[in-house]
N, C-alpha and C. Protein backbone atom coordinates (compact mmCIF):
# COMPACT_ATOMS: atom_id res chain seq x y z
N MET A 1 24.14 -18.71 5.75
CA MET A 1 23.65 -17.65 4.47
C MET A 1 23.99 -16.05 4.85
N GLU A 2 24.73 -15.70 4.10
CA GLU A 2 25.03 -14.38 4.03
C GLU A 2 23.77 -13.36 3.95
N LEU A 3 23.61 -12.61 4.89
CA LEU A 3 22.16 -11.76 4.98
C LEU A 3 22.15 -10.26 4.36
N ARG A 4 22.01 -9.92 3.74
CA ARG A 4 21.53 -8.46 3.24
C ARG A 4 20.29 -8.00 2.33
N ARG A 5 20.17 -6.78 2.45
CA ARG A 5 18.94 -6.19 1.99
C ARG A 5 18.20 -6.39 0.50
N CYS A 6 16.82 -6.60 0.31
CA CYS A 6 16.51 -6.92 -0.82
C CYS A 6 16.57 -5.93 -1.84
N GLN A 7 17.37 -6.24 -3.14
CA GLN A 7 18.04 -5.77 -3.95
C GLN A 7 17.40 -4.45 -4.60
N TRP A 8 15.76 -4.59 -4.54
CA TRP A 8 15.23 -3.43 -5.04
C TRP A 8 15.38 -2.16 -3.74
N ALA A 9 15.97 -2.28 -2.74
CA ALA A 9 16.27 -1.05 -1.96
C ALA A 9 17.01 -0.39 -2.43
N GLY A 10 18.31 -1.19 -3.42
CA GLY A 10 19.47 -0.18 -3.79
C GLY A 10 20.15 0.57 -2.52
N ASP A 11 20.81 1.83 -3.14
CA ASP A 11 21.62 2.45 -2.13
C ASP A 11 21.00 3.84 -1.73
N ASP A 12 19.46 4.16 -2.23
CA ASP A 12 18.81 5.29 -2.04
C ASP A 12 18.72 5.46 -0.51
N PRO A 13 19.06 6.22 0.41
CA PRO A 13 18.91 6.35 1.78
C PRO A 13 17.61 6.14 2.30
N LEU A 14 16.59 6.70 1.17
CA LEU A 14 15.16 6.85 1.46
C LEU A 14 14.54 5.65 1.32
N TYR A 15 15.30 5.06 0.00
CA TYR A 15 14.59 3.87 -0.22
C TYR A 15 14.89 2.81 0.99
N ILE A 16 16.06 2.74 1.09
CA ILE A 16 16.57 1.91 2.44
C ILE A 16 16.07 1.94 3.77
N ALA A 17 16.05 3.21 4.15
CA ALA A 17 14.98 3.65 5.53
C ALA A 17 13.50 3.18 5.47
N TYR A 18 12.98 3.27 4.12
CA TYR A 18 11.81 2.24 3.71
C TYR A 18 11.50 0.90 3.75
N HIS A 19 12.72 0.49 3.53
CA HIS A 19 12.75 -1.04 3.19
C HIS A 19 12.92 -1.67 4.79
N ASP A 20 13.55 -0.98 5.63
CA ASP A 20 14.13 -1.39 6.70
C ASP A 20 13.27 -1.09 7.76
N THR A 21 12.39 0.08 7.55
CA THR A 21 11.39 0.06 8.96
C THR A 21 9.81 -0.37 8.43
N GLU A 22 9.41 -0.01 7.01
CA GLU A 22 8.05 0.08 6.84
C GLU A 22 7.60 -1.10 6.12
N TRP A 23 8.27 -1.10 4.74
CA TRP A 23 7.84 -2.33 3.80
C TRP A 23 7.81 -4.01 4.73
N GLY A 24 6.56 -4.30 4.47
CA GLY A 24 6.74 -5.77 4.87
C GLY A 24 5.87 -5.81 6.36
N LYS A 25 6.04 -4.90 7.04
CA LYS A 25 5.69 -4.34 8.64
C LYS A 25 4.18 -4.72 8.75
N PRO A 26 4.10 -5.37 9.49
CA PRO A 26 2.34 -5.64 9.64
C PRO A 26 1.65 -4.21 10.16
N LEU A 27 0.83 -3.64 9.20
CA LEU A 27 0.19 -2.34 9.67
C LEU A 27 -1.48 -2.37 9.89
N HIS A 28 -1.87 -2.33 11.08
CA HIS A 28 -3.07 -2.09 11.52
C HIS A 28 -3.74 -0.85 11.57
N ASP A 29 -3.22 0.16 11.49
CA ASP A 29 -3.74 1.52 11.83
C ASP A 29 -4.24 1.95 10.10
N ASP A 30 -5.88 2.21 10.44
CA ASP A 30 -6.85 2.60 9.17
C ASP A 30 -6.13 3.97 8.72
N GLY A 31 -5.58 4.57 9.56
CA GLY A 31 -5.24 5.97 8.96
C GLY A 31 -3.89 5.86 7.74
N LYS A 32 -3.05 4.67 8.69
CA LYS A 32 -1.83 4.55 7.55
C LYS A 32 -2.08 3.54 6.60
N LEU A 33 -3.25 2.58 6.55
CA LEU A 33 -3.69 1.85 5.73
C LEU A 33 -3.98 2.67 4.47
N PHE A 34 -4.84 3.73 4.90
CA PHE A 34 -5.74 4.33 3.73
C PHE A 34 -4.62 5.60 2.94
N GLU A 35 -4.06 5.75 4.05
CA GLU A 35 -2.78 6.78 3.22
C GLU A 35 -1.62 5.95 2.20
N LEU A 36 -1.48 4.23 2.25
CA LEU A 36 -0.99 3.30 1.50
C LEU A 36 -1.46 2.75 0.70
N LEU A 37 -3.17 3.01 0.70
CA LEU A 37 -3.46 2.45 -0.43
C LEU A 37 -3.55 3.48 -1.63
N ILE A 38 -4.03 4.66 -1.07
CA ILE A 38 -4.02 5.85 -2.01
C ILE A 38 -2.68 6.17 -2.46
N LEU A 39 -1.45 5.95 -1.92
CA LEU A 39 -0.11 6.42 -2.33
C LEU A 39 -0.06 4.95 -3.46
N GLU A 40 -0.29 3.75 -3.16
CA GLU A 40 -0.22 2.77 -4.26
C GLU A 40 -0.74 3.04 -5.57
N GLY A 41 -1.99 3.84 -5.30
CA GLY A 41 -2.61 3.73 -6.52
C GLY A 41 -2.15 5.00 -7.56
N MET A 42 -1.57 5.85 -6.24
CA MET A 42 -0.78 7.17 -7.25
C MET A 42 0.54 6.75 -8.26
N GLN A 43 1.04 5.81 -7.73
CA GLN A 43 2.23 4.94 -8.50
C GLN A 43 2.34 4.69 -9.45
N ALA A 44 0.89 4.24 -10.01
CA ALA A 44 0.68 3.60 -11.01
C ALA A 44 1.35 4.03 -12.18
N GLY A 45 1.97 3.49 -13.41
CA GLY A 45 3.02 4.18 -14.26
C GLY A 45 4.10 5.04 -13.88
N LEU A 46 4.27 5.08 -12.35
CA LEU A 46 5.59 5.64 -11.89
C LEU A 46 6.42 5.01 -10.95
N SER A 47 7.48 5.22 -10.68
CA SER A 47 8.36 4.49 -9.62
C SER A 47 7.84 4.69 -8.36
N TRP A 48 8.13 3.68 -6.83
CA TRP A 48 8.02 3.95 -5.88
C TRP A 48 8.53 5.32 -5.09
N ILE A 49 9.59 5.31 -5.65
CA ILE A 49 10.94 6.12 -4.75
C ILE A 49 10.59 7.50 -5.32
N THR A 50 9.46 7.97 -6.62
CA THR A 50 8.94 8.94 -6.68
C THR A 50 8.11 9.50 -6.01
N ILE A 51 6.86 8.10 -5.35
CA ILE A 51 5.99 8.41 -4.52
C ILE A 51 6.49 8.89 -2.91
N LEU A 52 7.69 7.84 -2.65
CA LEU A 52 8.25 8.47 -1.36
C LEU A 52 8.64 9.84 -1.21
N ARG A 53 9.42 10.25 -2.40
CA ARG A 53 9.75 11.81 -2.30
C ARG A 53 8.86 12.74 -2.30
N LYS A 54 7.49 12.19 -2.75
CA LYS A 54 6.48 13.62 -2.95
C LYS A 54 5.75 13.11 -1.44
N ARG A 55 5.80 12.19 -0.71
CA ARG A 55 5.11 11.81 0.46
C ARG A 55 4.56 12.78 1.65
N GLU A 56 5.58 13.67 1.84
CA GLU A 56 5.12 14.82 2.89
C GLU A 56 4.58 15.51 2.10
N ALA A 57 4.39 16.05 0.81
CA ALA A 57 3.64 16.97 0.02
C ALA A 57 2.57 16.53 -0.24
N PHE A 58 2.41 15.09 -0.29
CA PHE A 58 0.89 14.64 -0.40
C PHE A 58 0.04 14.71 0.75
N ARG A 59 1.11 14.07 2.12
CA ARG A 59 0.21 14.43 3.38
C ARG A 59 -0.44 15.55 3.47
N ALA A 60 0.47 16.71 3.07
CA ALA A 60 0.12 18.22 3.21
C ALA A 60 -1.28 18.36 2.30
N ALA A 61 -0.98 17.92 1.31
CA ALA A 61 -1.94 18.74 0.15
C ALA A 61 -3.22 17.56 0.34
N PHE A 62 -3.20 16.34 0.74
CA PHE A 62 -4.27 15.31 0.95
C PHE A 62 -4.97 15.33 2.39
N ASP A 63 -4.70 16.82 3.11
CA ASP A 63 -5.44 16.64 4.33
C ASP A 63 -5.20 15.61 5.48
N GLY A 64 -3.75 15.45 5.41
CA GLY A 64 -3.49 14.54 5.92
C GLY A 64 -3.91 12.90 5.84
N PHE A 65 -4.57 12.54 4.84
CA PHE A 65 -4.42 11.46 4.06
C PHE A 65 -6.17 11.03 5.15
N ASP A 66 -6.76 11.95 5.87
CA ASP A 66 -7.99 11.76 6.31
C ASP A 66 -8.92 11.34 5.39
N PRO A 67 -9.36 9.95 5.86
CA PRO A 67 -10.68 9.72 4.55
C PRO A 67 -12.01 10.43 4.69
N GLN A 68 -12.72 10.99 6.00
CA GLN A 68 -13.47 11.95 6.29
C GLN A 68 -13.76 13.35 5.42
N LYS A 69 -12.26 13.72 5.24
CA LYS A 69 -12.47 15.15 4.37
C LYS A 69 -11.90 14.78 2.96
N ALA A 70 -11.18 13.82 2.83
CA ALA A 70 -10.77 13.65 1.05
C ALA A 70 -12.36 13.45 0.91
N ALA A 71 -13.50 12.30 1.29
CA ALA A 71 -14.36 12.07 0.73
C ALA A 71 -15.78 13.02 0.54
N CYS A 72 -15.20 14.39 1.07
CA CYS A 72 -15.59 15.52 0.80
C CYS A 72 -15.23 16.67 -0.19
N TRP A 73 -13.99 16.08 -0.54
CA TRP A 73 -13.53 17.01 -1.62
C TRP A 73 -14.51 17.60 -2.96
N THR A 74 -14.17 19.03 -2.92
CA THR A 74 -14.97 19.58 -4.16
C THR A 74 -14.17 19.45 -5.25
N GLU A 75 -14.67 20.01 -6.40
CA GLU A 75 -14.21 20.61 -7.62
C GLU A 75 -13.17 21.73 -7.44
N GLU A 76 -13.41 22.35 -6.85
CA GLU A 76 -12.46 23.84 -6.38
C GLU A 76 -11.16 22.64 -5.68
N LYS A 77 -11.36 22.00 -4.83
CA LYS A 77 -10.15 21.14 -4.15
C LYS A 77 -9.54 20.63 -5.00
N VAL A 78 -9.89 19.60 -5.71
CA VAL A 78 -9.62 19.01 -6.96
C VAL A 78 -8.85 19.83 -7.52
N GLU A 79 -9.53 20.84 -8.20
CA GLU A 79 -8.60 21.90 -9.29
C GLU A 79 -7.35 22.42 -8.60
N ALA A 80 -7.51 22.84 -7.13
CA ALA A 80 -6.18 23.28 -6.28
C ALA A 80 -5.03 22.28 -6.13
N LEU A 81 -5.38 21.26 -6.47
CA LEU A 81 -4.49 20.02 -5.84
C LEU A 81 -3.89 19.63 -7.29
N MET A 82 -4.35 19.67 -8.43
CA MET A 82 -4.07 19.88 -10.23
C MET A 82 -3.14 21.00 -10.25
N GLY A 83 -3.17 21.87 -9.48
CA GLY A 83 -2.37 22.87 -9.68
C GLY A 83 -1.11 22.59 -8.57
N ASN A 84 -0.96 21.98 -7.79
CA ASN A 84 0.40 21.93 -6.76
C ASN A 84 1.29 21.00 -7.75
N PRO A 85 2.56 21.44 -7.84
CA PRO A 85 3.27 20.98 -8.56
C PRO A 85 4.39 19.79 -7.70
N ALA A 86 4.25 20.08 -6.37
CA ALA A 86 5.06 18.74 -5.55
C ALA A 86 4.13 17.44 -5.31
N ILE A 87 2.86 17.02 -5.86
CA ILE A 87 2.33 16.35 -6.04
C ILE A 87 2.18 15.70 -7.16
N VAL A 88 1.56 14.45 -7.44
CA VAL A 88 1.29 13.65 -9.04
C VAL A 88 0.20 14.35 -9.35
N ARG A 89 0.23 15.12 -10.36
CA ARG A 89 -1.10 15.66 -10.70
C ARG A 89 -1.55 15.20 -11.92
N ASN A 90 -2.42 14.40 -11.69
CA ASN A 90 -3.21 13.11 -12.44
C ASN A 90 -4.69 13.32 -11.93
N ARG A 91 -5.46 13.97 -12.84
CA ARG A 91 -6.87 14.40 -12.38
C ARG A 91 -7.74 12.81 -12.16
N ARG A 92 -7.45 11.77 -12.72
CA ARG A 92 -8.36 10.61 -12.44
C ARG A 92 -7.60 9.98 -11.27
N LYS A 93 -6.54 9.96 -11.08
CA LYS A 93 -5.99 9.61 -9.54
C LYS A 93 -6.95 10.39 -8.71
N ILE A 94 -6.39 11.86 -8.84
CA ILE A 94 -7.11 12.47 -7.60
C ILE A 94 -8.46 12.46 -7.37
N LEU A 95 -9.32 12.42 -8.39
CA LEU A 95 -10.85 11.98 -8.59
C LEU A 95 -11.17 10.37 -7.52
N ALA A 96 -10.25 9.43 -7.75
CA ALA A 96 -10.02 8.17 -7.13
C ALA A 96 -10.08 8.22 -5.43
N THR A 97 -9.05 8.95 -5.45
CA THR A 97 -8.85 9.55 -3.84
C THR A 97 -10.23 9.42 -3.24
N VAL A 98 -10.94 10.50 -3.91
CA VAL A 98 -12.17 10.79 -3.46
C VAL A 98 -13.33 9.75 -3.51
N GLU A 99 -13.26 8.98 -4.45
CA GLU A 99 -14.22 7.51 -4.38
C GLU A 99 -13.71 6.49 -3.55
N ASN A 100 -12.34 6.56 -3.33
CA ASN A 100 -12.06 5.51 -2.61
C ASN A 100 -11.87 6.10 -0.80
N ALA A 101 -11.96 7.08 -0.69
CA ALA A 101 -12.20 7.72 0.56
C ALA A 101 -13.48 7.37 1.13
N ARG A 102 -14.83 7.47 0.14
CA ARG A 102 -16.10 7.28 0.49
C ARG A 102 -16.29 5.58 0.54
N GLY A 103 -15.36 4.82 -0.05
CA GLY A 103 -15.76 3.33 -0.09
C GLY A 103 -14.78 2.74 1.02
N PHE A 104 -13.98 3.45 1.68
CA PHE A 104 -13.21 3.38 3.00
C PHE A 104 -13.98 3.55 3.98
N LEU A 105 -14.59 4.52 3.94
CA LEU A 105 -15.78 4.96 5.42
C LEU A 105 -16.99 3.75 4.93
N LYS A 106 -17.23 3.35 3.85
CA LYS A 106 -17.90 2.60 4.07
C LYS A 106 -18.22 1.11 4.81
N ILE A 107 -16.72 0.70 4.52
CA ILE A 107 -16.11 -0.50 4.72
C ILE A 107 -15.67 -0.29 6.28
N GLN A 108 -15.29 0.82 6.72
CA GLN A 108 -15.02 1.06 8.34
C GLN A 108 -16.42 0.95 8.86
N LYS A 109 -17.43 1.33 8.43
CA LYS A 109 -18.87 1.22 8.89
C LYS A 109 -19.52 -0.20 8.65
N GLU A 110 -19.19 -0.98 7.98
CA GLU A 110 -19.61 -2.18 7.83
C GLU A 110 -18.86 -3.60 8.84
N PHE A 111 -17.33 -3.07 9.08
CA PHE A 111 -16.98 -4.14 9.67
C PHE A 111 -16.24 -3.57 10.95
N GLY A 112 -16.23 -2.58 11.04
CA GLY A 112 -15.89 -1.70 12.41
C GLY A 112 -14.60 -1.20 12.00
N SER A 113 -13.64 -1.66 11.18
CA SER A 113 -12.43 -0.72 10.47
C SER A 113 -11.68 -1.34 9.40
N PHE A 114 -11.06 -0.70 8.81
CA PHE A 114 -10.81 -1.17 7.21
C PHE A 114 -9.94 -2.16 7.82
N ASP A 115 -9.10 -2.06 8.78
CA ASP A 115 -8.28 -3.14 9.29
C ASP A 115 -8.63 -4.33 9.33
N ALA A 116 -9.83 -4.48 10.17
CA ALA A 116 -10.81 -5.60 10.23
C ALA A 116 -10.92 -6.44 8.95
N PHE A 117 -11.46 -5.61 7.85
CA PHE A 117 -12.04 -6.07 6.47
C PHE A 117 -10.83 -6.75 6.03
N LEU A 118 -9.33 -5.96 6.02
CA LEU A 118 -8.43 -6.38 5.32
C LEU A 118 -7.82 -7.66 5.43
N TRP A 119 -7.36 -7.43 6.95
CA TRP A 119 -6.81 -8.66 7.67
C TRP A 119 -7.45 -9.78 7.35
N HIS A 120 -9.00 -10.07 7.49
CA HIS A 120 -9.50 -11.03 7.12
C HIS A 120 -9.17 -11.93 6.36
N TYR A 121 -9.03 -11.06 5.32
CA TYR A 121 -8.32 -12.29 4.33
C TYR A 121 -7.52 -12.99 4.35
N VAL A 122 -6.36 -12.89 5.38
CA VAL A 122 -5.36 -13.35 5.54
C VAL A 122 -5.77 -14.25 7.14
N ASP A 123 -6.48 -14.37 7.72
CA ASP A 123 -7.12 -14.86 8.97
C ASP A 123 -6.03 -13.72 10.01
N GLY A 124 -5.72 -12.88 9.80
CA GLY A 124 -5.09 -12.28 10.81
C GLY A 124 -3.42 -12.14 10.62
N VAL A 125 -2.85 -13.54 9.93
CA VAL A 125 -1.80 -14.03 10.02
C VAL A 125 -0.77 -13.60 8.52
N PRO A 126 0.16 -12.84 8.66
CA PRO A 126 0.88 -12.43 7.45
C PRO A 126 1.51 -13.77 6.90
N ILE A 127 1.09 -13.86 5.41
CA ILE A 127 1.63 -14.62 4.48
C ILE A 127 2.81 -14.62 4.23
N VAL A 128 3.70 -15.69 4.73
CA VAL A 128 5.61 -15.66 4.30
C VAL A 128 5.68 -16.30 3.50
N ASN A 129 6.24 -15.76 2.19
CA ASN A 129 6.73 -16.30 1.21
C ASN A 129 8.48 -16.35 1.32
N HIS A 130 9.12 -17.25 0.70
CA HIS A 130 10.26 -17.57 0.51
C HIS A 130 11.09 -17.55 -0.42
N TRP A 131 11.26 -16.30 -0.90
CA TRP A 131 11.80 -16.02 -2.40
C TRP A 131 13.35 -15.94 -2.32
N GLU A 132 13.83 -16.79 -3.16
CA GLU A 132 15.43 -16.51 -3.26
C GLU A 132 15.83 -15.15 -4.61
N ARG A 133 15.10 -15.09 -5.26
CA ARG A 133 15.52 -14.34 -6.29
C ARG A 133 14.37 -13.33 -6.63
N GLN A 134 14.34 -11.77 -6.58
CA GLN A 134 13.50 -11.01 -7.00
C GLN A 134 12.84 -11.32 -8.14
N GLU A 135 13.25 -11.93 -9.06
CA GLU A 135 12.40 -12.43 -10.46
C GLU A 135 11.36 -13.41 -10.45
N ASP A 136 11.55 -13.89 -9.24
CA ASP A 136 10.37 -15.20 -9.01
C ASP A 136 9.26 -14.66 -8.21
N MET A 137 9.14 -13.48 -7.66
CA MET A 137 8.17 -12.99 -6.92
C MET A 137 7.37 -12.40 -8.23
N PRO A 138 5.79 -12.83 -7.53
CA PRO A 138 4.87 -12.43 -8.77
C PRO A 138 4.25 -11.19 -8.57
N ALA A 139 4.04 -10.67 -9.65
CA ALA A 139 3.18 -9.19 -9.69
C ALA A 139 1.77 -9.25 -9.06
N SER A 140 1.02 -10.41 -9.03
CA SER A 140 -0.29 -10.30 -8.66
C SER A 140 -0.06 -11.66 -8.01
N THR A 141 -1.20 -12.06 -7.20
CA THR A 141 -1.52 -13.46 -6.81
C THR A 141 -3.27 -13.86 -6.73
N PRO A 142 -3.51 -14.70 -6.62
CA PRO A 142 -5.34 -15.08 -6.72
C PRO A 142 -6.00 -14.03 -5.38
N LEU A 143 -4.92 -13.97 -4.35
CA LEU A 143 -5.29 -12.98 -3.37
C LEU A 143 -5.63 -11.71 -3.71
N SER A 144 -4.72 -11.13 -4.27
CA SER A 144 -4.94 -9.90 -4.70
C SER A 144 -5.48 -9.59 -5.90
N CYS A 145 -5.99 -10.45 -6.53
CA CYS A 145 -7.18 -10.53 -7.55
C CYS A 145 -8.41 -10.42 -6.88
N ARG A 146 -8.82 -11.47 -5.67
CA ARG A 146 -9.77 -11.50 -4.81
C ARG A 146 -10.08 -10.01 -4.38
N ILE A 147 -9.40 -9.46 -3.50
CA ILE A 147 -9.47 -8.39 -2.61
C ILE A 147 -9.72 -6.96 -4.01
N SER A 148 -8.78 -7.20 -5.06
CA SER A 148 -9.14 -6.20 -5.96
C SER A 148 -10.81 -6.26 -6.14
N GLN A 149 -10.90 -7.25 -6.75
CA GLN A 149 -12.09 -7.41 -7.21
C GLN A 149 -13.32 -7.04 -6.19
N ASP A 150 -13.32 -7.29 -4.73
CA ASP A 150 -14.00 -6.81 -3.71
C ASP A 150 -13.95 -5.44 -3.58
N LEU A 151 -12.58 -4.90 -3.67
CA LEU A 151 -12.89 -3.17 -3.57
C LEU A 151 -13.53 -2.66 -4.69
N LYS A 152 -13.55 -3.19 -6.01
CA LYS A 152 -13.97 -2.60 -7.07
C LYS A 152 -15.45 -2.30 -6.92
N ARG A 153 -15.79 -3.83 -6.80
CA ARG A 153 -17.30 -4.07 -6.48
C ARG A 153 -17.66 -3.21 -5.17
N ARG A 154 -17.09 -2.66 -4.38
CA ARG A 154 -17.52 -1.54 -3.48
C ARG A 154 -16.99 0.23 -4.07
N GLY A 155 -16.93 0.48 -5.38
CA GLY A 155 -16.55 1.47 -5.68
C GLY A 155 -14.98 2.16 -5.77
N PHE A 156 -13.94 1.28 -5.31
CA PHE A 156 -12.75 1.95 -5.34
C PHE A 156 -12.22 1.52 -6.92
N ARG A 157 -11.14 2.61 -6.98
CA ARG A 157 -10.71 2.86 -8.38
C ARG A 157 -9.03 2.69 -8.18
N PHE A 158 -8.32 2.18 -9.12
CA PHE A 158 -6.91 2.32 -9.07
C PHE A 158 -6.33 1.29 -8.40
N VAL A 159 -7.15 -0.11 -8.15
CA VAL A 159 -7.06 -0.89 -7.16
C VAL A 159 -7.23 -2.36 -8.04
N GLY A 160 -6.22 -2.52 -9.25
CA GLY A 160 -5.94 -3.45 -9.51
C GLY A 160 -5.19 -4.57 -9.05
N PRO A 161 -5.25 -5.75 -9.44
CA PRO A 161 -4.58 -7.18 -8.83
C PRO A 161 -2.90 -6.76 -8.61
N THR A 162 -2.46 -5.94 -9.20
CA THR A 162 -0.65 -5.24 -9.05
C THR A 162 -0.83 -4.48 -8.07
N ILE A 163 -1.78 -3.59 -8.39
CA ILE A 163 -1.39 -2.48 -7.25
C ILE A 163 -1.83 -2.82 -6.09
N VAL A 164 -3.04 -3.56 -5.63
CA VAL A 164 -3.41 -4.13 -4.57
C VAL A 164 -2.20 -5.34 -3.77
N TYR A 165 -1.73 -5.99 -4.71
CA TYR A 165 -0.41 -7.07 -4.47
C TYR A 165 0.50 -6.20 -3.82
N SER A 166 1.00 -5.26 -4.18
CA SER A 166 2.30 -4.24 -3.98
C SER A 166 1.81 -3.48 -2.65
N PHE A 167 0.44 -3.19 -2.17
CA PHE A 167 -0.34 -2.63 -1.20
C PHE A 167 -0.24 -3.86 -0.12
N LEU A 168 -0.48 -5.16 -0.65
CA LEU A 168 -0.55 -6.28 0.59
C LEU A 168 0.73 -6.41 1.00
N GLN A 169 2.11 -6.01 0.22
CA GLN A 169 3.42 -6.50 0.59
C GLN A 169 3.71 -5.19 1.10
N ALA A 170 3.13 -4.00 0.97
CA ALA A 170 3.75 -3.02 1.94
C ALA A 170 2.92 -2.73 3.55
N ALA A 171 2.01 -3.36 3.06
CA ALA A 171 1.20 -3.47 4.27
C ALA A 171 1.55 -4.74 5.44
N GLY A 172 2.32 -5.53 5.00
CA GLY A 172 3.16 -6.31 5.86
C GLY A 172 1.66 -7.85 5.96
N LEU A 173 0.69 -7.48 5.08
CA LEU A 173 -0.13 -8.86 5.22
C LEU A 173 0.77 -10.11 4.10
N VAL A 174 1.82 -9.69 3.37
CA VAL A 174 2.47 -10.67 2.71
C VAL A 174 4.24 -9.94 2.91
N ASP A 175 4.45 -11.17 3.31
CA ASP A 175 6.30 -10.91 3.68
C ASP A 175 6.61 -11.42 2.37
N ASP A 176 7.43 -10.55 1.65
CA ASP A 176 8.16 -11.02 0.35
C ASP A 176 9.42 -10.24 0.27
N HIS A 177 10.04 -9.93 1.80
CA HIS A 177 11.42 -9.69 1.79
C HIS A 177 12.03 -11.41 1.15
N MET A 178 13.42 -10.98 0.68
CA MET A 178 13.75 -12.34 0.28
C MET A 178 14.75 -13.12 1.61
N VAL A 179 14.52 -14.44 1.03
CA VAL A 179 14.84 -15.33 2.28
C VAL A 179 16.21 -15.04 3.04
N TRP A 180 16.84 -14.37 2.36
CA TRP A 180 18.58 -13.84 2.68
C TRP A 180 18.10 -12.20 3.07
N CYS A 181 17.25 -11.74 3.21
CA CYS A 181 17.44 -10.23 3.89
C CYS A 181 17.07 -10.56 5.29
N PRO A 182 17.89 -9.50 6.08
CA PRO A 182 17.72 -9.31 7.55
C PRO A 182 16.31 -9.01 8.14
N GLU A 183 15.15 -8.49 7.12
CA GLU A 183 13.61 -8.17 7.42
C GLU A 183 12.72 -9.22 7.36
N HIS A 184 13.36 -10.10 6.79
CA HIS A 184 12.31 -11.54 6.47
C HIS A 184 11.97 -11.85 7.64
N THR A 185 10.78 -12.28 7.98
CA THR A 185 10.09 -12.88 9.09
C THR A 185 11.03 -14.04 9.67
N ASP A 186 11.69 -14.90 8.97
CA ASP A 186 12.41 -15.91 9.44
C ASP A 186 13.75 -15.64 10.15
N CYS A 187 14.31 -14.11 9.30
CA CYS A 187 15.58 -13.75 10.01
C CYS A 187 14.99 -12.90 11.41
N ARG A 188 14.30 -12.52 11.42
CA ARG A 188 13.58 -11.87 12.59
C ARG A 188 12.79 -12.28 13.56
N GLY A 189 12.05 -13.76 13.45
CA GLY A 189 11.74 -14.28 14.20
C GLY A 189 9.94 -13.55 14.51
N ARG A 190 9.65 -12.95 13.37
CA ARG A 190 7.97 -12.16 13.93
C ARG A 190 6.96 -13.03 13.69
N GLY A 191 7.24 -14.66 13.72
CA GLY A 191 6.25 -15.25 13.65
C GLY A 191 6.06 -16.09 12.51
N THR A 192 4.90 -16.81 12.40
CA THR A 192 4.77 -17.90 11.02
C THR A 192 3.81 -17.54 10.45
N GLY A 193 3.69 -18.30 9.41
CA GLY A 193 2.61 -17.97 8.61
C GLY A 193 3.11 -18.71 7.23
N ASP A 194 2.33 -19.14 6.03
CA ASP A 194 2.28 -20.16 5.00
C ASP A 194 2.38 -19.15 3.66
N SER A 195 2.77 -19.60 2.36
CA SER A 195 2.40 -18.86 1.33
C SER A 195 1.25 -19.51 0.86
N ARG A 196 0.56 -18.56 0.20
CA ARG A 196 -0.74 -18.62 -0.67
C ARG A 196 -0.56 -18.15 -1.89
């Protein structure tokens, strides 16, 4: 089988680097998981490349994606963010960041870490899918629906099943690299898992 990158990576160097070094790699750092969850919500209605291009600006404007700080943002902070042209200026998404930070901190307190909460859904082992065509990949799954419902029950916003599935793919809980992609688990020998 000829190995080649997933089609969505295209030829944009930023997309290629993200595909090769981040997407689908198991992520266990709470700070990075929070950043990714917020960015996935910010993407709603936009392209991921738009978010990648603004990621550094987001990091600077969003206090390094520190959930402790985001949970305490004031109306003045929100207004300042709304005036920042380097990020996505969507009031509902910015306010959701505050609510999501508060929910994130509660989960950390309850489970010890957001990582423990999230990865228990897959028993700590990534789900490895074996897609041969991009169009066969689902936009959401029963798993992303369950996690979405749990997060919403805990006060999170912009965490619908499709956003959550995208988050699971990016954070490596689901390996959705095409079977012919060098980054697929079977090609890299990163371990095993089964489709769910």
